[in-house]
Amino acid sequence: MPLGLNRPQIVLLGVNHNTAPLEVRERLSLSESDTPALKLFAGLSSCTEVVFLSTCNRVEVLVSTNCMDEVKESIKELWMDKGKMDFKTL
């Protein structure tokens, strides 16, 4: 097998103070009390590792995966559900 053929890729999806208003960032952010939502992100079958970062200026999901397109769509869907917003708002 050629070197790097099945290497996981890193996917970073996020919003920040330049790309989304505070209201949107607040709706997408997670805290310790959001355990069910955190478990959904961590339970994505195509993810090997997940890091969720939420500050006052940004919300990001960093994922290690072998299925980049699938994981991007899954994260977008989870964020739309959690934030109760459509894709245009997101």
N, C-alpha and C. Protein backbone atom coordinates (compact mmCIF):
# COMPACT_ATOMS: atom_id res chain seq x y z
N MET A 1 0.85 -1.18 0.00
CA MET A 1 0.00 0.00 0.00
C MET A 1 0.89 1.24 0.00
N PRO A 2 0.65 2.20 -0.91
CA PRO A 2 1.45 3.42 -0.94
C PRO A 2 1.30 4.21 0.36
N LEU A 3 2.38 4.85 0.72
CA LEU A 3 2.40 5.65 1.94
C LEU A 3 1.33 6.74 1.90
N GLY A 4 0.54 6.83 2.96
CA GLY A 4 -0.45 7.90 3.09
C GLY A 4 -1.77 7.64 2.41
N LEU A 5 -1.96 6.45 1.81
CA LEU A 5 -3.19 6.19 1.08
C LEU A 5 -4.42 6.24 1.98
N ASN A 6 -4.34 5.66 3.16
CA ASN A 6 -5.48 5.65 4.07
C ASN A 6 -5.27 6.55 5.28
N ARG A 7 -4.49 7.56 5.13
CA ARG A 7 -4.24 8.48 6.23
C ARG A 7 -5.48 9.30 6.52
N PRO A 8 -5.80 9.46 7.80
CA PRO A 8 -6.93 10.33 8.14
C PRO A 8 -6.62 11.78 7.75
N GLN A 9 -7.65 12.51 7.42
CA GLN A 9 -7.52 13.93 7.10
C GLN A 9 -8.10 14.73 8.25
N ILE A 10 -7.61 15.94 8.40
CA ILE A 10 -8.12 16.84 9.43
C ILE A 10 -9.12 17.79 8.77
N VAL A 11 -10.29 17.89 9.36
CA VAL A 11 -11.33 18.80 8.89
C VAL A 11 -11.59 19.83 9.98
N LEU A 12 -11.58 21.10 9.62
CA LEU A 12 -11.90 22.17 10.56
C LEU A 12 -13.07 22.95 10.01
N LEU A 13 -14.17 22.94 10.75
CA LEU A 13 -15.34 23.74 10.39
C LEU A 13 -15.62 24.68 11.54
N GLY A 14 -15.91 25.93 11.22
CA GLY A 14 -16.18 26.85 12.30
C GLY A 14 -16.71 28.18 11.82
N VAL A 15 -17.11 28.95 12.80
CA VAL A 15 -17.55 30.32 12.58
C VAL A 15 -16.80 31.19 13.57
N ASN A 16 -16.63 32.46 13.22
CA ASN A 16 -15.97 33.39 14.13
C ASN A 16 -16.63 34.76 14.05
N HIS A 17 -16.07 35.71 14.77
CA HIS A 17 -16.67 37.04 14.83
C HIS A 17 -16.68 37.76 13.48
N ASN A 18 -15.87 37.31 12.54
CA ASN A 18 -15.87 37.90 11.20
C ASN A 18 -16.89 37.26 10.27
N THR A 19 -17.27 36.01 10.56
CA THR A 19 -18.13 35.28 9.63
C THR A 19 -19.55 35.07 10.12
N ALA A 20 -19.79 35.30 11.42
CA ALA A 20 -21.14 35.05 11.96
C ALA A 20 -21.42 36.02 13.11
N PRO A 21 -22.65 36.52 13.19
CA PRO A 21 -23.00 37.40 14.30
C PRO A 21 -23.02 36.63 15.63
N LEU A 22 -22.97 37.37 16.72
CA LEU A 22 -22.94 36.78 18.05
C LEU A 22 -24.10 35.81 18.27
N GLU A 23 -25.29 36.16 17.82
CA GLU A 23 -26.46 35.29 18.01
C GLU A 23 -26.22 33.89 17.42
N VAL A 24 -25.65 33.83 16.24
CA VAL A 24 -25.38 32.54 15.60
C VAL A 24 -24.31 31.78 16.38
N ARG A 25 -23.23 32.46 16.77
CA ARG A 25 -22.16 31.80 17.53
C ARG A 25 -22.69 31.25 18.85
N GLU A 26 -23.57 31.99 19.50
CA GLU A 26 -24.15 31.52 20.77
C GLU A 26 -25.00 30.27 20.56
N ARG A 27 -25.74 30.22 19.47
CA ARG A 27 -26.60 29.07 19.21
C ARG A 27 -25.81 27.82 18.84
N LEU A 28 -24.60 28.01 18.31
CA LEU A 28 -23.77 26.87 17.92
C LEU A 28 -22.82 26.41 19.02
N SER A 29 -22.59 27.25 20.00
CA SER A 29 -21.61 26.91 21.04
C SER A 29 -22.12 25.78 21.93
N LEU A 30 -21.18 25.07 22.53
CA LEU A 30 -21.50 23.98 23.45
C LEU A 30 -20.75 24.21 24.75
N SER A 31 -21.34 23.74 25.83
CA SER A 31 -20.68 23.80 27.13
C SER A 31 -20.77 22.42 27.77
N GLU A 32 -20.24 22.29 28.98
CA GLU A 32 -20.29 20.99 29.66
C GLU A 32 -21.71 20.49 29.83
N SER A 33 -22.66 21.40 29.97
CA SER A 33 -24.05 20.99 30.17
C SER A 33 -24.69 20.45 28.89
N ASP A 34 -24.02 20.61 27.77
CA ASP A 34 -24.53 20.12 26.49
C ASP A 34 -24.02 18.71 26.17
N THR A 35 -23.97 17.86 27.17
CA THR A 35 -23.42 16.51 27.00
C THR A 35 -24.09 15.74 25.86
N PRO A 36 -25.42 15.75 25.72
CA PRO A 36 -26.02 15.00 24.60
C PRO A 36 -25.51 15.47 23.23
N ALA A 37 -25.39 16.77 23.05
CA ALA A 37 -24.89 17.29 21.77
C ALA A 37 -23.42 16.91 21.56
N LEU A 38 -22.63 16.97 22.62
CA LEU A 38 -21.22 16.58 22.52
C LEU A 38 -21.09 15.11 22.13
N LYS A 39 -21.96 14.28 22.70
CA LYS A 39 -21.93 12.84 22.37
C LYS A 39 -22.30 12.61 20.91
N LEU A 40 -23.20 13.43 20.37
CA LEU A 40 -23.56 13.30 18.95
C LEU A 40 -22.35 13.58 18.07
N PHE A 41 -21.62 14.66 18.38
CA PHE A 41 -20.42 14.99 17.60
C PHE A 41 -19.39 13.88 17.74
N ALA A 42 -19.15 13.42 18.95
CA ALA A 42 -18.15 12.38 19.20
C ALA A 42 -18.56 11.04 18.60
N GLY A 43 -19.86 10.84 18.42
CA GLY A 43 -20.36 9.57 17.91
C GLY A 43 -20.45 9.46 16.40
N LEU A 44 -20.02 10.48 15.69
CA LEU A 44 -20.05 10.40 14.23
C LEU A 44 -19.19 9.22 13.78
N SER A 45 -19.79 8.30 13.06
CA SER A 45 -19.10 7.05 12.71
C SER A 45 -17.87 7.27 11.85
N SER A 46 -17.84 8.33 11.09
CA SER A 46 -16.71 8.56 10.20
C SER A 46 -15.58 9.34 10.86
N CYS A 47 -15.72 9.65 12.15
CA CYS A 47 -14.70 10.41 12.88
C CYS A 47 -13.87 9.49 13.75
N THR A 48 -12.57 9.69 13.74
CA THR A 48 -11.71 8.95 14.66
C THR A 48 -11.40 9.79 15.89
N GLU A 49 -11.38 11.11 15.74
CA GLU A 49 -11.16 12.01 16.86
C GLU A 49 -11.93 13.30 16.60
N VAL A 50 -12.40 13.94 17.68
CA VAL A 50 -13.15 15.19 17.57
C VAL A 50 -12.69 16.14 18.67
N VAL A 51 -12.44 17.40 18.28
CA VAL A 51 -12.16 18.46 19.25
C VAL A 51 -13.18 19.55 18.99
N PHE A 52 -13.83 19.99 20.05
CA PHE A 52 -14.82 21.07 19.93
C PHE A 52 -14.29 22.26 20.71
N LEU A 53 -14.18 23.41 20.06
CA LEU A 53 -13.66 24.63 20.69
C LEU A 53 -14.72 25.71 20.62
N SER A 54 -15.03 26.27 21.77
CA SER A 54 -16.05 27.31 21.83
C SER A 54 -15.55 28.44 22.72
N THR A 55 -15.38 29.62 22.13
CA THR A 55 -15.01 30.82 22.89
C THR A 55 -16.02 31.91 22.56
N CYS A 56 -15.82 33.09 23.11
CA CYS A 56 -16.76 34.18 22.81
C CYS A 56 -16.64 34.65 21.36
N ASN A 57 -15.50 34.40 20.72
CA ASN A 57 -15.29 34.87 19.36
C ASN A 57 -15.39 33.81 18.28
N ARG A 58 -15.38 32.54 18.68
CA ARG A 58 -15.41 31.49 17.65
C ARG A 58 -15.97 30.18 18.19
N VAL A 59 -16.47 29.38 17.26
CA VAL A 59 -16.94 28.03 17.55
C VAL A 59 -16.37 27.17 16.43
N GLU A 60 -15.62 26.13 16.81
CA GLU A 60 -14.97 25.29 15.81
C GLU A 60 -15.09 23.81 16.18
N VAL A 61 -15.16 22.99 15.14
CA VAL A 61 -15.10 21.54 15.30
C VAL A 61 -13.92 21.07 14.46
N LEU A 62 -13.01 20.37 15.10
CA LEU A 62 -11.83 19.82 14.44
C LEU A 62 -11.96 18.31 14.48
N VAL A 63 -11.89 17.67 13.31
CA VAL A 63 -12.18 16.24 13.21
C VAL A 63 -11.08 15.53 12.43
N SER A 64 -10.74 14.34 12.88
CA SER A 64 -9.86 13.45 12.14
C SER A 64 -10.77 12.39 11.49
N THR A 65 -10.64 12.24 10.16
CA THR A 65 -11.57 11.36 9.44
C THR A 65 -10.94 10.79 8.17
N ASN A 66 -11.50 9.70 7.70
CA ASN A 66 -11.16 9.16 6.38
C ASN A 66 -12.27 9.45 5.37
N CYS A 67 -13.33 10.10 5.81
CA CYS A 67 -14.49 10.41 4.97
C CYS A 67 -14.82 11.89 5.07
N MET A 68 -14.00 12.73 4.49
CA MET A 68 -14.11 14.17 4.66
C MET A 68 -15.49 14.72 4.28
N ASP A 69 -15.98 14.39 3.11
CA ASP A 69 -17.26 14.95 2.66
C ASP A 69 -18.41 14.53 3.57
N GLU A 70 -18.41 13.26 3.96
CA GLU A 70 -19.46 12.75 4.85
C GLU A 70 -19.44 13.48 6.19
N VAL A 71 -18.25 13.68 6.73
CA VAL A 71 -18.13 14.32 8.04
C VAL A 71 -18.54 15.79 7.97
N LYS A 72 -18.19 16.49 6.90
CA LYS A 72 -18.60 17.89 6.75
C LYS A 72 -20.12 18.00 6.77
N GLU A 73 -20.79 17.15 6.01
CA GLU A 73 -22.25 17.19 5.96
C GLU A 73 -22.86 16.83 7.30
N SER A 74 -22.30 15.84 7.98
CA SER A 74 -22.82 15.44 9.30
C SER A 74 -22.70 16.57 10.30
N ILE A 75 -21.57 17.25 10.31
CA ILE A 75 -21.37 18.36 11.25
C ILE A 75 -22.34 19.50 10.93
N LYS A 76 -22.49 19.83 9.66
CA LYS A 76 -23.44 20.89 9.28
C LYS A 76 -24.85 20.54 9.75
N GLU A 77 -25.26 19.28 9.55
CA GLU A 77 -26.60 18.86 9.97
C GLU A 77 -26.75 18.94 11.49
N LEU A 78 -25.74 18.49 12.23
CA LEU A 78 -25.80 18.58 13.70
C LEU A 78 -25.89 20.03 14.15
N TRP A 79 -25.10 20.90 13.53
CA TRP A 79 -25.15 22.32 13.90
C TRP A 79 -26.50 22.93 13.56
N MET A 80 -27.06 22.58 12.41
CA MET A 80 -28.37 23.13 12.05
C MET A 80 -29.43 22.67 13.04
N ASP A 81 -29.37 21.40 13.45
CA ASP A 81 -30.32 20.88 14.44
C ASP A 81 -30.13 21.56 15.79
N LYS A 82 -28.89 21.64 16.25
CA LYS A 82 -28.61 22.22 17.56
C LYS A 82 -28.98 23.70 17.61
N GLY A 83 -28.60 24.43 16.56
CA GLY A 83 -28.86 25.86 16.52
C GLY A 83 -30.25 26.22 16.04
N LYS A 84 -31.02 25.19 15.63
CA LYS A 84 -32.37 25.40 15.10
C LYS A 84 -32.36 26.49 14.02
N MET A 85 -31.49 26.27 13.04
CA MET A 85 -31.38 27.23 11.94
C MET A 85 -31.17 26.50 10.63
N ASP A 86 -31.45 27.19 9.54
CA ASP A 86 -31.26 26.59 8.23
C ASP A 86 -29.83 26.83 7.75
N PHE A 87 -29.49 26.22 6.62
CA PHE A 87 -28.13 26.30 6.12
C PHE A 87 -27.73 27.73 5.77
N LYS A 88 -28.65 28.51 5.23
CA LYS A 88 -28.33 29.90 4.87
C LYS A 88 -27.90 30.71 6.09
N THR A 89 -28.60 30.50 7.21
CA THR A 89 -28.25 31.21 8.43
C THR A 89 -26.89 30.76 8.94
N LEU A 90 -26.66 29.46 8.82
CA LEU A 90 -25.40 28.88 9.28
C LEU A 90 -24.28 29.35 8.39
